[in-house]
Amino acid sequence: MFSTMRDDIRSAFERDPAARTTLEVLLCYPGLHAVWGHRVAHALWVRGLELIARWLSHVTRALTGIEIHPGATVGPRLFIDHGMGVVIGETAVLGADVTLYHGVTLGGTSLVHGKRHPTLGDRVVVGAGAKILGNIEVGSDSRIGANAVVVKPVPPGSVVVGVPGEVVRRELRPVPARPDLEHGDLPDVLGQTLVSVMDRVDMLEKRLEGRLAAEPHPHQPRSGAWAWEDFAI
């Protein structure tokens, strides 16, 4: 247990440059408190003490603003940065070294009992406000951009942005030891699309202007035999 707690504290130092001292992390990091509260609630849940587990989860939510269902399976060294508004559903599964920013939702899309929430692989980073919905899998080492809405499976090592979320890049480089969302490195899919459309319009306009310049004026005599229509007013 103490080894797990040390790993959780270490993950805060590794992924948040604002962390200064161990005491500060212990007292002022609601994400850490939510994870520890969940570990206790989950232990009660798997032992059949569902009501107590749900009550403890409810208390933790009131204290931290982070709602993790006690039935969710959370891997080691989960780090929730800031954390306000994070929701993790009952059948969600998170791998090791996952990083979640505030406003993230791992939600379900079905009323059927059973697996209905996402599965996140190891070292997945989910940006602020992103929603991952349904029984889908997000592969290890993937990054989900801020405010993306992911409803389809994501291959490992992918970058996903947009609504609905689309894979815009596959990472072939080695994954860094310290997870980094790299907010400034996420592609602007809409902007790139608009630029592409504008370039296409410019090209078509130039082609049209060139074709009009090459054609004779409607009242300019044509070479060859004259025709009555050439004298039409």
C-alpha atoms as a PDB file:
ATOM      1  CA  MET A   1       0.000   0.000   0.000  1.00  0.00           C
ATOM      2  CA  PHE A   2       2.749   2.457   0.940  1.00  0.00           C
ATOM      3  CA  SER A   3       4.630   1.599  -2.229  1.00  0.00           C
ATOM      4  CA  THR A   4       1.526   2.471  -4.262  1.00  0.00           C
ATOM      5  CA  MET A   5       1.146   5.757  -2.395  1.00  0.00           C
ATOM      6  CA  ARG A   6       4.786   6.649  -3.046  1.00  0.00           C
ATOM      7  CA  ASP A   7       4.317   5.913  -6.748  1.00  0.00           C
ATOM      8  CA  ASP A   8       1.235   8.149  -6.849  1.00  0.00           C
ATOM      9  CA  ILE A   9       3.129  11.021  -5.214  1.00  0.00           C
ATOM     10  CA  ARG A  10       6.092  10.521  -7.549  1.00  0.00           C
ATOM     11  CA  SER A  11       3.802  10.650 -10.569  1.00  0.00           C
ATOM     12  CA  ALA A  12       2.600  14.099  -9.468  1.00  0.00           C
ATOM     13  CA  PHE A  13       6.184  15.397  -9.419  1.00  0.00           C
ATOM     14  CA  GLU A  14       6.935  13.816 -12.801  1.00  0.00           C
ATOM     15  CA  ARG A  15       3.873  15.237 -14.593  1.00  0.00           C
ATOM     16  CA  ASP A  16       3.223  18.576 -12.913  1.00  0.00           C
ATOM     17  CA  PRO A  17       6.003  21.201 -12.867  1.00  0.00           C
ATOM     18  CA  ALA A  18       3.993  23.151 -10.281  1.00  0.00           C
ATOM     19  CA  ALA A  19       4.597  20.459  -7.629  1.00  0.00           C
ATOM     20  CA  ARG A  20       7.163  21.732  -5.129  1.00  0.00           C
ATOM     21  CA  THR A  21       7.169  19.613  -1.991  1.00  0.00           C
ATOM     22  CA  THR A  22       5.753  16.289  -0.885  1.00  0.00           C
ATOM     23  CA  LEU A  23       3.671  18.024   1.783  1.00  0.00           C
ATOM     24  CA  GLU A  24       2.138  20.312  -0.826  1.00  0.00           C
ATOM     25  CA  VAL A  25       1.197  17.325  -2.991  1.00  0.00           C
ATOM     26  CA  LEU A  26      -0.286  15.511   0.004  1.00  0.00           C
ATOM     27  CA  LEU A  27      -2.402  18.472   1.108  1.00  0.00           C
ATOM     28  CA  CYS A  28      -3.282  20.332  -2.081  1.00  0.00           C
ATOM     29  CA  TYR A  29      -3.754  17.814  -4.905  1.00  0.00           C
ATOM     30  CA  PRO A  30      -7.422  16.770  -5.201  1.00  0.00           C
ATOM     31  CA  GLY A  31      -6.548  14.374  -8.027  1.00  0.00           C
ATOM     32  CA  LEU A  32      -4.323  12.441  -5.643  1.00  0.00           C
ATOM     33  CA  HIS A  33      -7.028  12.427  -2.958  1.00  0.00           C
ATOM     34  CA  ALA A  34      -9.592  11.162  -5.486  1.00  0.00           C
ATOM     35  CA  VAL A  35      -7.322   8.321  -6.604  1.00  0.00           C
ATOM     36  CA  TRP A  36      -6.636   7.239  -3.042  1.00  0.00           C
ATOM     37  CA  GLY A  37     -10.309   7.437  -2.160  1.00  0.00           C
ATOM     38  CA  HIS A  38     -11.117   5.328  -5.189  1.00  0.00           C
ATOM     39  CA  ARG A  39      -8.587   2.654  -4.269  1.00  0.00           C
ATOM     40  CA  VAL A  40     -10.337   2.198  -0.921  1.00  0.00           C
ATOM     41  CA  ALA A  41     -13.817   2.314  -2.452  1.00  0.00           C
ATOM     42  CA  HIS A  42     -12.848  -0.189  -5.162  1.00  0.00           C
ATOM     43  CA  ALA A  43     -11.486  -2.599  -2.555  1.00  0.00           C
ATOM     44  CA  LEU A  44     -14.859  -2.444  -0.783  1.00  0.00           C
ATOM     45  CA  TRP A  45     -16.731  -2.824  -4.081  1.00  0.00           C
ATOM     46  CA  VAL A  46     -14.994  -6.029  -5.150  1.00  0.00           C
ATOM     47  CA  ARG A  47     -15.682  -7.478  -1.706  1.00  0.00           C
ATOM     48  CA  GLY A  48     -19.411  -7.010  -2.153  1.00  0.00           C
ATOM     49  CA  LEU A  49     -19.796  -3.892   0.013  1.00  0.00           C
ATOM     50  CA  GLU A  50     -21.351  -1.867  -2.802  1.00  0.00           C
ATOM     51  CA  LEU A  51     -23.357   0.576  -0.696  1.00  0.00           C
ATOM     52  CA  ILE A  52     -20.419   1.593   1.495  1.00  0.00           C
ATOM     53  CA  ALA A  53     -18.226   1.856  -1.598  1.00  0.00           C
ATOM     54  CA  ARG A  54     -20.735   4.121  -3.324  1.00  0.00           C
ATOM     55  CA  TRP A  55     -21.077   6.269  -0.215  1.00  0.00           C
ATOM     56  CA  LEU A  56     -17.300   6.675   0.045  1.00  0.00           C
ATOM     57  CA  SER A  57     -17.156   7.549  -3.650  1.00  0.00           C
ATOM     58  CA  HIS A  58     -19.870  10.145  -3.096  1.00  0.00           C
ATOM     59  CA  VAL A  59     -17.943  11.725  -0.209  1.00  0.00           C
ATOM     60  CA  THR A  60     -14.752  11.811  -2.278  1.00  0.00           C
ATOM     61  CA  ARG A  61     -16.660  13.487  -5.118  1.00  0.00           C
ATOM     62  CA  ALA A  62     -17.990  16.153  -2.748  1.00  0.00           C
ATOM     63  CA  LEU A  63     -14.475  16.868  -1.434  1.00  0.00           C
ATOM     64  CA  THR A  64     -12.565  16.821  -4.737  1.00  0.00           C
ATOM     65  CA  GLY A  65     -15.026  17.467  -7.570  1.00  0.00           C
ATOM     66  CA  ILE A  66     -13.859  14.205  -9.163  1.00  0.00           C
ATOM     67  CA  GLU A  67     -16.295  11.329  -9.609  1.00  0.00           C
ATOM     68  CA  ILE A  68     -14.834   7.841  -9.999  1.00  0.00           C
ATOM     69  CA  HIS A  69     -17.285   4.977  -9.756  1.00  0.00           C
ATOM     70  CA  PRO A  70     -15.977   2.363  -7.292  1.00  0.00           C
ATOM     71  CA  GLY A  71     -16.477  -0.314  -9.944  1.00  0.00           C
ATOM     72  CA  ALA A  72     -13.951   1.288 -12.306  1.00  0.00           C
ATOM     73  CA  THR A  73     -10.569  -0.412 -12.638  1.00  0.00           C
ATOM     74  CA  VAL A  74      -7.684   2.015 -12.288  1.00  0.00           C
ATOM     75  CA  GLY A  75      -4.090   1.045 -12.994  1.00  0.00           C
ATOM     76  CA  PRO A  76      -1.007   2.215 -11.110  1.00  0.00           C
ATOM     77  CA  ARG A  77       0.191   5.811 -11.125  1.00  0.00           C
ATOM     78  CA  LEU A  78      -2.980   7.427 -12.451  1.00  0.00           C
ATOM     79  CA  PHE A  79      -2.487  11.197 -12.354  1.00  0.00           C
ATOM     80  CA  ILE A  80      -5.455  13.582 -12.501  1.00  0.00           C
ATOM     81  CA  ASP A  81      -4.240  17.151 -12.971  1.00  0.00           C
ATOM     82  CA  HIS A  82      -6.523  19.819 -11.432  1.00  0.00           C
ATOM     83  CA  GLY A  83      -9.342  17.301 -11.799  1.00  0.00           C
ATOM     84  CA  MET A  84     -12.508  19.326 -11.331  1.00  0.00           C
ATOM     85  CA  GLY A  85     -15.332  17.765 -13.335  1.00  0.00           C
ATOM     86  CA  VAL A  86     -13.610  14.465 -14.132  1.00  0.00           C
ATOM     87  CA  VAL A  87     -16.085  11.562 -14.411  1.00  0.00           C
ATOM     88  CA  ILE A  88     -15.050   7.910 -14.733  1.00  0.00           C
ATOM     89  CA  GLY A  89     -17.835   5.364 -15.236  1.00  0.00           C
ATOM     90  CA  GLU A  90     -18.429   2.023 -13.585  1.00  0.00           C
ATOM     91  CA  THR A  91     -16.932  -0.308 -16.193  1.00  0.00           C
ATOM     92  CA  ALA A  92     -14.079   1.949 -17.293  1.00  0.00           C
ATOM     93  CA  VAL A  93     -10.606   0.399 -17.275  1.00  0.00           C
ATOM     94  CA  LEU A  94      -7.448   2.510 -17.093  1.00  0.00           C
ATOM     95  CA  GLY A  95      -3.963   1.159 -17.664  1.00  0.00           C
ATOM     96  CA  ALA A  96      -0.719   2.266 -16.035  1.00  0.00           C
ATOM     97  CA  ASP A  97       0.575   5.845 -16.050  1.00  0.00           C
ATOM     98  CA  VAL A  98      -2.615   7.394 -17.469  1.00  0.00           C
ATOM     99  CA  THR A  99      -2.933  11.185 -17.255  1.00  0.00           C
ATOM    100  CA  LEU A 100      -6.308  12.955 -17.170  1.00  0.00           C
ATOM    101  CA  TYR A 101      -6.883  16.694 -17.187  1.00  0.00           C
ATOM    102  CA  HIS A 102      -9.901  18.523 -15.789  1.00  0.00           C
ATOM    103  CA  GLY A 103     -13.321  18.057 -17.329  1.00  0.00           C
ATOM    104  CA  VAL A 104     -12.576  14.624 -18.802  1.00  0.00           C
ATOM    105  CA  THR A 105     -15.471  12.155 -19.076  1.00  0.00           C
ATOM    106  CA  LEU A 106     -15.077   8.413 -19.548  1.00  0.00           C
ATOM    107  CA  GLY A 107     -18.759   7.688 -20.079  1.00  0.00           C
ATOM    108  CA  GLY A 108     -21.132   5.042 -21.327  1.00  0.00           C
ATOM    109  CA  THR A 109     -23.524   5.097 -24.277  1.00  0.00           C
ATOM    110  CA  SER A 110     -25.770   2.163 -23.382  1.00  0.00           C
ATOM    111  CA  LEU A 111     -28.297   1.256 -20.703  1.00  0.00           C
ATOM    112  CA  VAL A 112     -27.411  -2.428 -21.016  1.00  0.00           C
ATOM    113  CA  HIS A 113     -25.602  -3.934 -18.054  1.00  0.00           C
ATOM    114  CA  GLY A 114     -22.068  -5.060 -18.720  1.00  0.00           C
ATOM    115  CA  LYS A 115     -19.030  -3.362 -20.244  1.00  0.00           C
ATOM    116  CA  ARG A 116     -20.211   0.005 -21.497  1.00  0.00           C
ATOM    117  CA  HIS A 117     -17.364   2.389 -20.680  1.00  0.00           C
ATOM    118  CA  PRO A 118     -13.980   2.954 -22.346  1.00  0.00           C
ATOM    119  CA  THR A 119     -10.735   1.070 -21.834  1.00  0.00           C
ATOM    120  CA  LEU A 120      -7.566   3.171 -21.836  1.00  0.00           C
ATOM    121  CA  GLY A 121      -4.184   1.578 -22.443  1.00  0.00           C
ATOM    122  CA  ASP A 122      -0.933   2.480 -20.718  1.00  0.00           C
ATOM    123  CA  ARG A 123       0.451   6.025 -20.829  1.00  0.00           C
ATOM    124  CA  VAL A 124      -2.653   7.528 -22.429  1.00  0.00           C
ATOM    125  CA  VAL A 125      -3.004  11.298 -22.009  1.00  0.00           C
ATOM    126  CA  VAL A 126      -6.482  12.861 -22.194  1.00  0.00           C
ATOM    127  CA  GLY A 127      -6.725  16.634 -22.601  1.00  0.00           C
ATOM    128  CA  ALA A 128      -9.016  18.999 -20.741  1.00  0.00           C
ATOM    129  CA  GLY A 129     -12.703  18.638 -21.522  1.00  0.00           C
ATOM    130  CA  ALA A 130     -12.321  15.554 -23.716  1.00  0.00           C
ATOM    131  CA  LYS A 131     -15.085  12.938 -23.753  1.00  0.00           C
ATOM    132  CA  ILE A 132     -14.440   9.258 -24.459  1.00  0.00           C
ATOM    133  CA  LEU A 133     -17.763   7.481 -24.740  1.00  0.00           C
ATOM    134  CA  GLY A 134     -18.820   3.857 -25.041  1.00  0.00           C
ATOM    135  CA  ASN A 135     -17.190   0.466 -24.840  1.00  0.00           C
ATOM    136  CA  ILE A 136     -14.197   1.406 -26.981  1.00  0.00           C
ATOM    137  CA  GLU A 137     -10.474   0.972 -26.532  1.00  0.00           C
ATOM    138  CA  VAL A 138      -7.894   3.740 -26.654  1.00  0.00           C
ATOM    139  CA  GLY A 139      -4.546   2.179 -27.444  1.00  0.00           C
ATOM    140  CA  SER A 140      -1.453   2.705 -25.329  1.00  0.00           C
ATOM    141  CA  ASP A 141       0.659   5.842 -25.817  1.00  0.00           C
ATOM    142  CA  SER A 142      -2.211   7.767 -27.423  1.00  0.00           C
ATOM    143  CA  ARG A 143      -3.020  11.435 -26.865  1.00  0.00           C
ATOM    144  CA  ILE A 144      -6.557  12.800 -26.894  1.00  0.00           C
ATOM    145  CA  GLY A 145      -6.753  16.526 -27.614  1.00  0.00           C
ATOM    146  CA  ALA A 146      -8.676  18.979 -25.473  1.00  0.00           C
ATOM    147  CA  ASN A 147     -12.472  18.920 -25.986  1.00  0.00           C
ATOM    148  CA  ALA A 148     -12.314  15.991 -28.410  1.00  0.00           C
ATOM    149  CA  VAL A 149     -15.278  13.620 -28.427  1.00  0.00           C
ATOM    150  CA  VAL A 150     -14.066  10.069 -29.047  1.00  0.00           C
ATOM    151  CA  VAL A 151     -16.655   7.445 -29.963  1.00  0.00           C
ATOM    152  CA  LYS A 152     -14.534   5.066 -32.058  1.00  0.00           C
ATOM    153  CA  PRO A 153     -11.574   2.817 -31.121  1.00  0.00           C
ATOM    154  CA  VAL A 154      -8.175   4.488 -31.228  1.00  0.00           C
ATOM    155  CA  PRO A 155      -5.066   2.561 -32.372  1.00  0.00           C
ATOM    156  CA  PRO A 156      -1.981   2.652 -30.141  1.00  0.00           C
ATOM    157  CA  GLY A 157       0.278   5.659 -30.473  1.00  0.00           C
ATOM    158  CA  SER A 158      -2.358   7.927 -32.023  1.00  0.00           C
ATOM    159  CA  VAL A 159      -3.210  11.609 -31.721  1.00  0.00           C
ATOM    160  CA  VAL A 160      -6.963  12.322 -31.759  1.00  0.00           C
ATOM    161  CA  VAL A 161      -8.634  15.725 -32.121  1.00  0.00           C
ATOM    162  CA  GLY A 162     -12.015  17.112 -33.117  1.00  0.00           C
ATOM    163  CA  VAL A 163     -15.728  16.403 -32.759  1.00  0.00           C
ATOM    164  CA  PRO A 164     -16.210  13.596 -33.447  1.00  0.00           C
ATOM    165  CA  GLY A 165     -12.649  12.628 -32.682  1.00  0.00           C
ATOM    166  CA  GLU A 166     -10.484  11.596 -35.622  1.00  0.00           C
ATOM    167  CA  VAL A 167      -7.020  10.090 -35.662  1.00  0.00           C
ATOM    168  CA  VAL A 168      -4.821  12.739 -37.250  1.00  0.00           C
ATOM    169  CA  ARG A 169      -1.421  11.248 -36.589  1.00  0.00           C
ATOM    170  CA  ARG A 170       0.259   8.005 -35.568  1.00  0.00           C
ATOM    171  CA  GLU A 171       3.324   8.337 -33.378  1.00  0.00           C
ATOM    172  CA  LEU A 172       6.233   6.234 -34.592  1.00  0.00           C
ATOM    173  CA  ARG A 173       8.796   7.798 -32.289  1.00  0.00           C
ATOM    174  CA  PRO A 174       9.593   6.295 -28.859  1.00  0.00           C
ATOM    175  CA  VAL A 175       7.285   7.395 -26.081  1.00  0.00           C
ATOM    176  CA  PRO A 176       8.974   9.810 -23.638  1.00  0.00           C
ATOM    177  CA  ALA A 177       9.477   8.676 -20.082  1.00  0.00           C
ATOM    178  CA  ARG A 178       7.377  11.599 -18.839  1.00  0.00           C
ATOM    179  CA  PRO A 179       3.947  11.882 -20.507  1.00  0.00           C
ATOM    180  CA  ASP A 180       3.362  15.226 -22.167  1.00  0.00           C
ATOM    181  CA  LEU A 181       0.176  16.306 -23.891  1.00  0.00           C
ATOM    182  CA  GLU A 182       2.143  18.804 -26.041  1.00  0.00           C
ATOM    183  CA  HIS A 183      -0.854  21.108 -26.443  1.00  0.00           C
ATOM    184  CA  GLY A 184       0.914  23.275 -29.001  1.00  0.00           C
ATOM    185  CA  ASP A 185       1.777  20.299 -31.189  1.00  0.00           C
ATOM    186  CA  LEU A 186      -1.809  19.185 -31.846  1.00  0.00           C
ATOM    187  CA  PRO A 187      -2.927  19.687 -35.463  1.00  0.00           C
ATOM    188  CA  ASP A 188      -5.620  22.237 -36.326  1.00  0.00           C
ATOM    189  CA  VAL A 189      -7.755  19.986 -38.519  1.00  0.00           C
ATOM    190  CA  LEU A 190     -10.406  22.613 -39.311  1.00  0.00           C
ATOM    191  CA  GLY A 191      -7.819  25.249 -40.089  1.00  0.00           C
ATOM    192  CA  GLN A 192      -5.889  22.904 -42.370  1.00  0.00           C
ATOM    193  CA  THR A 193      -9.093  21.986 -44.188  1.00  0.00           C
ATOM    194  CA  LEU A 194     -10.019  25.645 -44.758  1.00  0.00           C
ATOM    195  CA  VAL A 195      -6.541  26.441 -46.065  1.00  0.00           C
ATOM    196  CA  SER A 196      -6.751  23.484 -48.435  1.00  0.00           C
ATOM    197  CA  VAL A 197     -10.158  24.632 -49.728  1.00  0.00           C
ATOM    198  CA  MET A 198      -8.918  28.207 -50.230  1.00  0.00           C
ATOM    199  CA  ASP A 199      -5.870  26.964 -52.135  1.00  0.00           C
ATOM    200  CA  ARG A 200      -8.133  24.883 -54.352  1.00  0.00           C
ATOM    201  CA  VAL A 201     -10.423  27.845 -55.047  1.00  0.00           C
ATOM    202  CA  ASP A 202      -7.433  30.043 -55.950  1.00  0.00           C
ATOM    203  CA  MET A 203      -6.148  27.415 -58.360  1.00  0.00           C
ATOM    204  CA  LEU A 204      -9.551  27.061 -60.051  1.00  0.00           C
ATOM    205  CA  GLU A 205      -9.917  30.846 -60.366  1.00  0.00           C
ATOM    206  CA  LYS A 206      -6.512  31.129 -62.035  1.00  0.00           C
ATOM    207  CA  ARG A 207      -7.350  28.318 -64.443  1.00  0.00           C
ATOM    208  CA  LEU A 208     -10.673  29.993 -65.290  1.00  0.00           C
ATOM    209  CA  GLU A 209      -9.003  33.379 -65.853  1.00  0.00           C
ATOM    210  CA  GLY A 210      -6.418  31.772 -68.124  1.00  0.00           C
ATOM    211  CA  ARG A 211      -9.083  29.997 -70.164  1.00  0.00           C
ATOM    212  CA  LEU A 212     -11.150  33.187 -70.565  1.00  0.00           C
ATOM    213  CA  ALA A 213      -8.061  35.113 -71.653  1.00  0.00           C
ATOM    214  CA  ALA A 214      -7.303  32.486 -74.304  1.00  0.00           C
ATOM    215  CA  GLU A 215     -10.821  32.562 -75.811  1.00  0.00           C
ATOM    216  CA  PRO A 216     -11.732  35.232 -78.457  1.00  0.00           C
ATOM    217  CA  HIS A 217     -14.061  38.103 -77.584  1.00  0.00           C
ATOM    218  CA  PRO A 218     -17.709  37.392 -78.535  1.00  0.00           C
ATOM    219  CA  HIS A 219     -17.654  40.292 -81.107  1.00  0.00           C
ATOM    220  CA  GLN A 220     -14.144  39.608 -82.380  1.00  0.00           C
ATOM    221  CA  PRO A 221     -14.178  38.214 -85.976  1.00  0.00           C
ATOM    222  CA  ARG A 222     -13.126  34.628 -86.149  1.00  0.00           C
ATOM    223  CA  SER A 223     -10.654  33.367 -88.645  1.00  0.00           C
ATOM    224  CA  GLY A 224     -12.142  31.528 -91.614  1.00  0.00           C
ATOM    225  CA  ALA A 225     -15.483  31.977 -93.378  1.00  0.00           C
ATOM    226  CA  TRP A 226     -17.925  34.609 -92.143  1.00  0.00           C
ATOM    227  CA  ALA A 227     -21.287  33.520 -90.838  1.00  0.00           C
ATOM    228  CA  TRP A 228     -24.561  35.440 -90.441  1.00  0.00           C
ATOM    229  CA  GLU A 229     -24.320  35.171 -86.648  1.00  0.00           C
ATOM    230  CA  ASP A 230     -21.153  37.207 -86.731  1.00  0.00           C
ATOM    231  CA  PHE A 231     -23.272  40.235 -87.737  1.00  0.00           C
ATOM    232  CA  ALA A 232     -25.912  39.701 -85.082  1.00  0.00           C
ATOM    233  CA  ILE A 233     -26.502  42.660 -82.793  1.00  0.00           C
END
